N, C-alpha and C. Protein backbone atom coordinates (compact mmCIF):
# COMPACT_ATOMS: atom_id res chain seq x y z
N MET A 1 58.22 112.89 139.40
CA MET A 1 58.95 113.73 139.94
C MET A 1 58.35 114.34 140.94
N ARG A 2 59.38 115.16 141.81
CA ARG A 2 58.71 115.41 143.50
C ARG A 2 59.79 116.81 142.98
N ASN A 3 58.69 118.30 143.93
CA ASN A 3 59.46 119.35 143.13
C ASN A 3 59.52 119.63 144.54
N ILE A 4 60.38 120.14 145.04
CA ILE A 4 61.03 121.08 145.55
C ILE A 4 61.11 122.51 145.61
N LEU A 5 60.82 123.39 146.21
CA LEU A 5 60.93 125.16 146.35
C LEU A 5 61.61 125.24 147.45
N LEU A 6 62.90 125.75 147.08
CA LEU A 6 65.00 126.14 147.77
C LEU A 6 64.32 127.19 148.26
N VAL A 7 64.04 127.50 149.26
CA VAL A 7 64.04 129.13 149.70
C VAL A 7 65.32 129.77 150.61
N GLU A 8 66.46 129.92 149.78
CA GLU A 8 67.70 130.11 150.47
C GLU A 8 68.42 130.78 149.86
N ASP A 9 69.04 132.02 150.96
CA ASP A 9 69.60 133.81 150.81
C ASP A 9 71.09 133.48 150.27
N ASN A 10 71.20 131.89 150.63
CA ASN A 10 72.86 132.05 150.01
C ASN A 10 72.90 131.47 148.92
N HIS A 11 73.90 132.22 148.02
CA HIS A 11 73.65 131.03 146.31
C HIS A 11 74.68 130.07 146.77
N ASP A 12 75.70 130.18 147.06
CA ASP A 12 76.58 129.00 147.02
C ASP A 12 75.86 127.82 147.77
N ASP A 13 74.96 128.16 148.91
CA ASP A 13 74.40 126.68 149.99
C ASP A 13 73.16 126.60 149.17
N GLY A 14 72.58 127.21 148.57
CA GLY A 14 71.57 127.00 147.84
C GLY A 14 71.96 125.51 146.51
N GLN A 15 73.13 126.69 145.67
CA GLN A 15 73.41 125.57 144.64
C GLN A 15 74.07 123.88 145.15
N PHE A 16 74.99 124.07 146.53
CA PHE A 16 74.82 122.70 146.73
C PHE A 16 73.73 121.88 147.50
N ILE A 17 73.15 122.89 147.71
CA ILE A 17 71.75 121.07 148.38
C ILE A 17 71.46 121.23 147.60
N LYS A 18 70.72 121.92 146.48
CA LYS A 18 69.89 121.38 144.90
C LYS A 18 71.18 120.64 144.14
N GLN A 19 72.27 120.40 143.85
CA GLN A 19 73.24 119.34 143.93
C GLN A 19 73.27 118.22 144.83
N THR A 20 73.53 118.27 145.59
CA THR A 20 73.14 117.51 146.77
C THR A 20 71.91 116.28 146.48
N PHE A 21 70.65 116.88 146.41
CA PHE A 21 69.86 115.88 146.63
C PHE A 21 69.38 115.93 145.16
N CYS A 22 69.93 116.03 143.91
CA CYS A 22 70.00 115.47 142.60
C CYS A 22 71.10 114.43 142.94
N ASP A 23 72.21 114.45 143.18
CA ASP A 23 72.64 113.55 143.44
C ASP A 23 72.14 112.16 143.75
N ILE A 24 71.47 112.41 145.31
CA ILE A 24 70.84 111.32 145.94
C ILE A 24 69.54 111.17 145.43
N ASN A 25 68.26 111.80 144.50
CA ASN A 25 67.13 110.79 143.88
C ASN A 25 66.71 111.67 142.66
N LYS A 26 67.14 111.15 141.41
CA LYS A 26 67.23 111.79 140.05
C LYS A 26 65.80 112.14 139.87
N TYR A 27 64.66 111.77 140.90
CA TYR A 27 63.18 111.90 140.40
C TYR A 27 62.65 113.59 141.05
N VAL A 28 63.45 114.22 141.71
CA VAL A 28 63.69 115.22 141.77
C VAL A 28 63.85 117.05 141.34
N ASN A 29 62.70 117.70 141.52
CA ASN A 29 63.21 119.20 140.95
C ASN A 29 63.27 119.94 141.61
N ILE A 30 64.28 120.51 141.69
CA ILE A 30 64.70 122.07 142.34
C ILE A 30 64.75 123.33 142.22
N GLU A 31 63.41 124.31 142.07
CA GLU A 31 64.15 125.66 141.88
C GLU A 31 64.15 126.47 143.23
N ILE A 32 65.18 127.18 143.33
CA ILE A 32 65.53 128.29 143.65
C ILE A 32 65.07 129.37 144.34
N VAL A 33 64.54 129.83 144.83
CA VAL A 33 64.23 131.48 145.00
C VAL A 33 65.30 131.89 146.61
N ASN A 34 65.43 133.08 146.38
CA ASN A 34 66.56 133.80 147.09
C ASN A 34 65.57 134.84 148.33
N ASP A 35 64.75 134.84 148.75
CA ASP A 35 64.03 135.96 149.36
C ASP A 35 62.63 135.43 149.67
N GLU A 36 62.30 135.76 150.61
CA GLU A 36 60.61 135.05 151.46
C GLU A 36 59.37 135.82 149.44
N GLU A 37 59.85 137.36 149.77
CA GLU A 37 58.72 138.01 148.73
C GLU A 37 58.67 136.91 147.41
N THR A 38 60.29 136.83 146.79
CA THR A 38 60.21 135.67 145.19
C THR A 38 59.33 134.53 145.85
N ALA A 39 59.59 133.94 147.28
CA ALA A 39 59.02 132.56 147.15
C ALA A 39 57.40 133.01 147.15
N MET A 40 57.08 133.83 147.66
CA MET A 40 55.26 134.43 147.68
C MET A 40 55.02 134.15 146.71
N ASN A 41 55.90 135.00 145.75
CA ASN A 41 55.03 135.14 144.31
C ASN A 41 55.42 134.21 143.38
N TYR A 42 56.13 133.09 143.69
CA TYR A 42 56.43 132.01 143.08
C TYR A 42 55.43 130.88 143.43
N LEU A 43 55.15 130.79 144.51
CA LEU A 43 54.13 130.14 145.23
C LEU A 43 51.88 130.79 144.26
N GLN A 44 52.00 132.00 144.45
CA GLN A 44 51.16 132.40 143.96
C GLN A 44 51.19 132.68 141.88
N ARG A 45 52.09 132.33 141.89
CA ARG A 45 52.43 132.28 140.83
C ARG A 45 52.03 133.56 140.25
N ASN A 46 52.46 134.02 140.30
CA ASN A 46 52.56 136.29 139.93
C ASN A 46 53.99 136.11 138.63
N PRO A 47 54.21 136.47 138.18
CA PRO A 47 54.97 136.56 137.11
C PRO A 47 56.39 136.91 137.92
N PRO A 48 56.88 136.52 137.42
CA PRO A 48 57.18 135.52 136.00
C PRO A 48 57.01 134.13 136.36
N PHE A 49 56.48 133.73 137.37
CA PHE A 49 56.38 132.94 137.39
C PHE A 49 54.64 131.76 136.92
N GLN A 50 53.89 132.65 136.18
CA GLN A 50 53.06 131.20 135.81
C GLN A 50 52.79 130.72 135.68
N ASN A 51 54.03 130.23 134.73
CA ASN A 51 53.40 128.19 134.76
C ASN A 51 54.29 127.72 136.19
N ALA A 52 54.76 128.15 136.94
CA ALA A 52 55.60 127.28 138.41
C ALA A 52 54.85 126.09 138.69
N ILE A 53 55.41 125.23 139.20
CA ILE A 53 54.77 123.94 139.48
C ILE A 53 54.38 124.45 140.81
N ILE A 54 53.51 123.86 142.34
CA ILE A 54 53.52 123.64 143.36
C ILE A 54 54.13 122.89 143.93
N PRO A 55 54.88 123.21 144.86
CA PRO A 55 56.29 122.56 145.47
C PRO A 55 55.50 121.41 146.33
N ASP A 56 56.33 120.24 146.51
CA ASP A 56 56.07 119.01 147.05
C ASP A 56 56.42 118.67 148.59
N LEU A 57 57.19 120.18 148.30
CA LEU A 57 57.83 120.14 149.86
C LEU A 57 58.51 121.80 149.95
N ILE A 58 58.47 122.22 150.85
CA ILE A 58 59.06 123.76 151.09
C ILE A 58 60.38 123.12 152.43
N ILE A 59 62.03 123.95 151.56
CA ILE A 59 62.98 124.21 152.35
C ILE A 59 63.20 125.56 152.76
N LEU A 60 63.58 125.48 153.67
CA LEU A 60 63.58 126.96 153.68
C LEU A 60 64.63 127.47 154.55
N ASP A 61 65.75 128.62 154.52
CA ASP A 61 66.85 129.03 154.90
C ASP A 61 65.99 130.43 154.96
N LEU A 62 66.35 131.17 155.69
CA LEU A 62 65.33 132.96 155.73
C LEU A 62 65.84 132.80 157.13
N MET A 63 66.52 133.57 157.64
CA MET A 63 66.88 133.74 158.92
C MET A 63 66.03 135.40 159.67
N ASN A 64 66.00 135.60 158.70
CA ASN A 64 65.25 137.41 159.10
C ASN A 64 63.58 137.70 158.71
N SER A 65 62.93 136.47 157.37
CA SER A 65 61.43 136.62 157.12
C SER A 65 60.96 135.12 156.76
N CYS A 66 61.59 134.36 157.70
CA CYS A 66 61.18 133.18 157.89
C CYS A 66 59.92 132.10 158.70
N LEU A 67 59.19 133.36 159.63
CA LEU A 67 58.15 133.28 160.60
C LEU A 67 57.40 133.76 159.73
N LYS A 68 57.49 135.01 158.50
CA LYS A 68 56.25 135.50 157.92
C LYS A 68 56.03 134.54 156.84
N PHE A 69 56.81 133.86 156.21
CA PHE A 69 56.64 132.97 154.98
C PHE A 69 56.14 131.41 156.07
N ILE A 70 57.00 131.29 157.04
CA ILE A 70 55.47 130.20 157.34
C ILE A 70 54.38 130.59 157.56
N GLU A 71 54.00 131.27 158.06
CA GLU A 71 53.04 131.95 158.78
C GLU A 71 52.04 131.77 157.30
N PHE A 72 52.75 133.13 156.06
CA PHE A 72 52.29 133.39 154.74
C PHE A 72 51.57 131.96 154.24
N VAL A 73 52.84 130.99 154.31
CA VAL A 73 51.78 129.00 153.76
C VAL A 73 51.04 128.90 154.68
N LYS A 74 51.08 128.71 155.62
CA LYS A 74 50.09 127.81 156.53
C LYS A 74 48.84 128.21 156.58
N SER A 75 48.73 130.12 156.51
CA SER A 75 47.54 130.23 156.46
C SER A 75 46.77 130.30 155.12
N ASP A 76 47.29 130.07 154.13
CA ASP A 76 47.24 129.96 152.43
C ASP A 76 46.30 128.65 152.32
N SER A 77 44.86 128.19 152.30
CA SER A 77 44.19 126.90 151.99
C SER A 77 44.89 125.91 151.08
N ASN A 78 45.28 127.10 149.95
CA ASN A 78 46.37 126.52 148.47
C ASN A 78 47.60 125.73 149.36
N PHE A 79 48.35 126.25 150.25
CA PHE A 79 49.61 125.89 150.25
C PHE A 79 49.82 125.33 151.87
N ARG A 80 48.72 125.24 152.78
CA ARG A 80 49.06 124.58 153.55
C ARG A 80 49.53 123.06 153.62
N ARG A 81 48.49 122.42 153.30
CA ARG A 81 49.33 121.54 153.24
C ARG A 81 50.70 121.00 152.34
N ILE A 82 51.45 122.01 152.19
CA ILE A 82 52.72 121.75 151.62
C ILE A 82 53.82 121.33 152.98
N PRO A 83 54.20 120.24 153.16
CA PRO A 83 54.99 120.72 154.19
C PRO A 83 56.37 121.41 154.44
N VAL A 84 56.83 122.36 155.32
CA VAL A 84 57.89 123.39 155.66
C VAL A 84 59.30 122.50 156.27
N ILE A 85 60.00 122.82 155.70
CA ILE A 85 60.98 122.32 156.78
C ILE A 85 62.41 123.58 156.80
N VAL A 86 62.89 123.77 157.91
CA VAL A 86 63.77 125.33 157.81
C VAL A 86 64.55 124.25 158.09
N LEU A 87 65.97 124.81 156.98
CA LEU A 87 67.17 124.23 157.41
C LEU A 87 68.29 125.55 158.04
N SER A 88 68.24 125.23 158.73
CA SER A 88 68.82 126.78 159.48
C SER A 88 69.54 126.54 159.77
N SER A 89 71.24 127.27 160.09
CA SER A 89 72.52 127.67 161.06
C SER A 89 72.59 127.34 162.79
N SER A 90 71.07 128.44 162.48
CA SER A 90 70.50 128.64 164.03
C SER A 90 70.58 127.59 164.97
N THR A 91 70.88 127.77 165.92
CA THR A 91 70.78 127.05 167.31
C THR A 91 69.95 128.12 168.51
N ASP A 92 69.83 129.33 167.66
CA ASP A 92 69.04 129.96 169.05
C ASP A 92 67.14 128.94 169.25
N LYS A 93 67.27 128.62 170.41
CA LYS A 93 65.70 128.51 171.42
C LYS A 93 65.12 128.86 171.04
N GLU A 94 64.89 130.26 171.20
CA GLU A 94 63.54 131.12 170.73
C GLU A 94 63.44 131.31 169.26
N TYR A 95 64.29 130.91 168.78
CA TYR A 95 63.88 131.38 166.80
C TYR A 95 63.23 129.60 166.59
N ILE A 96 63.86 128.59 166.89
CA ILE A 96 63.75 127.26 166.97
C ILE A 96 62.22 127.22 167.53
N ASN A 97 61.62 127.38 168.29
CA ASN A 97 60.60 126.96 169.21
C ASN A 97 59.32 128.17 168.09
N SER A 98 59.88 129.70 167.96
CA SER A 98 59.11 129.90 167.40
C SER A 98 58.25 129.69 165.47
N CYS A 99 59.51 129.02 164.74
CA CYS A 99 59.63 128.05 163.61
C CYS A 99 58.94 127.07 163.97
N CYS A 100 58.69 126.56 164.37
CA CYS A 100 58.19 125.68 165.27
C CYS A 100 56.51 125.87 165.68
N SER A 101 56.19 126.85 166.51
CA SER A 101 55.19 127.83 166.71
C SER A 101 54.34 128.10 165.54
N SER A 102 54.89 128.52 164.32
CA SER A 102 54.72 129.49 162.99
C SER A 102 53.76 127.93 162.30
N PHE A 103 54.09 126.82 163.16
CA PHE A 103 53.75 125.32 161.94
C PHE A 103 54.81 124.88 161.30
N ALA A 104 56.06 125.44 161.39
CA ALA A 104 56.93 124.68 160.13
C ALA A 104 57.10 122.87 160.65
N ASN A 105 56.56 122.32 159.83
CA ASN A 105 56.50 120.61 159.60
C ASN A 105 58.51 120.57 160.23
N ALA A 106 59.09 120.72 160.55
CA ALA A 106 60.18 120.59 160.85
C ALA A 106 61.83 121.59 160.76
N PHE A 107 62.46 121.37 161.65
CA PHE A 107 63.65 122.66 162.26
C PHE A 107 64.87 122.10 162.09
N ILE A 108 65.62 121.59 161.31
CA ILE A 108 66.85 120.94 161.15
C ILE A 108 67.67 122.01 161.42
N ILE A 109 68.88 121.55 162.02
CA ILE A 109 70.30 122.71 162.48
C ILE A 109 71.07 121.75 160.93
N LYS A 110 71.74 123.65 160.06
CA LYS A 110 72.67 122.63 158.99
C LYS A 110 73.70 122.52 159.91
N PRO A 111 74.00 121.69 160.10
CA PRO A 111 75.47 121.02 159.76
C PRO A 111 77.17 122.03 159.04
N ILE A 112 77.94 122.07 159.84
CA ILE A 112 78.87 122.09 158.86
C ILE A 112 79.80 121.31 158.15
N GLU A 113 79.82 120.28 158.78
CA GLU A 113 80.29 118.96 158.61
C GLU A 113 79.69 118.85 157.03
N LYS A 114 80.26 118.41 155.79
CA LYS A 114 80.03 118.54 154.43
C LYS A 114 79.93 116.09 154.38
N GLU A 115 79.89 115.76 155.28
CA GLU A 115 79.24 114.35 155.07
C GLU A 115 77.55 114.15 156.36
N ARG A 116 78.16 114.79 156.94
CA ARG A 116 76.50 114.76 157.71
C ARG A 116 75.56 115.71 157.28
N PHE A 117 76.02 116.39 156.77
CA PHE A 117 74.83 117.87 155.57
C PHE A 117 74.24 116.26 154.61
N LEU A 118 75.50 115.69 153.88
CA LEU A 118 74.95 114.74 153.49
C LEU A 118 73.64 113.85 153.67
N GLU A 119 73.92 113.58 155.30
CA GLU A 119 73.13 112.09 155.68
C GLU A 119 71.95 112.64 155.66
N ILE A 120 71.68 114.61 156.29
CA ILE A 120 71.09 115.46 156.53
C ILE A 120 69.67 115.49 155.22
N ILE A 121 70.45 115.94 154.23
CA ILE A 121 69.65 115.96 153.04
C ILE A 121 69.61 114.95 152.38
N ASN A 122 69.50 113.00 152.58
CA ASN A 122 69.47 111.89 152.72
C ASN A 122 68.67 111.34 153.57
N ALA A 123 68.36 112.33 154.98
CA ALA A 123 67.22 111.78 155.62
C ALA A 123 65.81 112.47 155.08
N ILE A 124 66.05 113.82 154.58
CA ILE A 124 64.99 114.59 153.83
C ILE A 124 64.36 113.72 153.22
N ASP A 125 64.82 113.47 152.34
CA ASP A 125 64.95 112.43 150.59
C ASP A 125 63.88 111.26 150.80
N ASN A 126 64.76 110.75 152.05
CA ASN A 126 63.91 109.45 152.77
C ASN A 126 62.76 109.41 153.13
N PHE A 127 63.24 110.05 154.20
CA PHE A 127 61.45 110.44 154.88
C PHE A 127 60.14 111.08 153.57
N TRP A 128 60.69 112.00 153.80
CA TRP A 128 59.10 112.82 152.52
C TRP A 128 59.43 112.48 151.08
N PHE A 129 60.47 111.61 150.91
CA PHE A 129 59.59 111.22 149.74
C PHE A 129 59.89 109.74 149.27
N LYS A 130 60.18 108.61 150.66
CA LYS A 130 59.89 107.27 150.43
C LYS A 130 58.99 107.03 151.25
N GLN A 131 59.38 107.78 152.87
CA GLN A 131 57.83 106.84 153.65
C GLN A 131 57.05 107.37 153.54
N THR A 132 57.07 108.91 153.49
CA THR A 132 55.73 109.55 154.19
C THR A 132 54.62 109.73 152.48
N LYS A 133 53.43 109.90 153.02
CA LYS A 133 52.80 109.60 151.67
C LYS A 133 51.74 111.13 151.50
N LEU A 134 52.85 112.01 150.98
CA LEU A 134 51.94 113.16 150.64
C LEU A 134 51.42 113.33 150.44
N SER A 135 50.07 114.22 151.41
CA SER A 135 48.97 114.82 150.68
C SER A 135 49.01 115.11 148.98
N SER A 136 48.03 114.89 147.96
CA SER A 136 47.78 115.31 146.69
C SER A 136 47.43 116.54 146.83
N ILE A 137 48.69 117.70 146.38
CA ILE A 137 48.32 119.47 146.12
C ILE A 137 48.45 119.69 144.47
N PRO A 138 46.86 120.41 144.07
CA PRO A 138 46.46 120.31 142.86
C PRO A 138 48.27 121.81 142.51
N LYS A 139 48.56 120.61 141.17
CA LYS A 139 49.86 121.62 140.39
C LYS A 139 49.16 122.71 139.51
């Protein structure tokens, strides 16, 4: 079972991403949180997340606090090995460069078309869970 932490501030987008992943790969568990502070509490297993499973992958779409969260993950020795993918509708080059400079593992522009979105989710699943050997992260 692969575990994903989805940090998505739009409830409908979060549910769509979760359902799409689960349709593609039945061995994926996705936990959704809606902001950076909750995501940090989840990773640190602060209440109410004492039993949280450390994710194998983080997918992030937080326009305003994305950089702070990436820096938090990548600066903590317990979490820095977790790949962080920014999945955003932003096409702002400065924002994309800032995310990558903060050590996001990938920046993917969220497509509007459902077919293209399905291709993106398939590509994420294929690359990160089938093609790539992720380092072991203590659970």
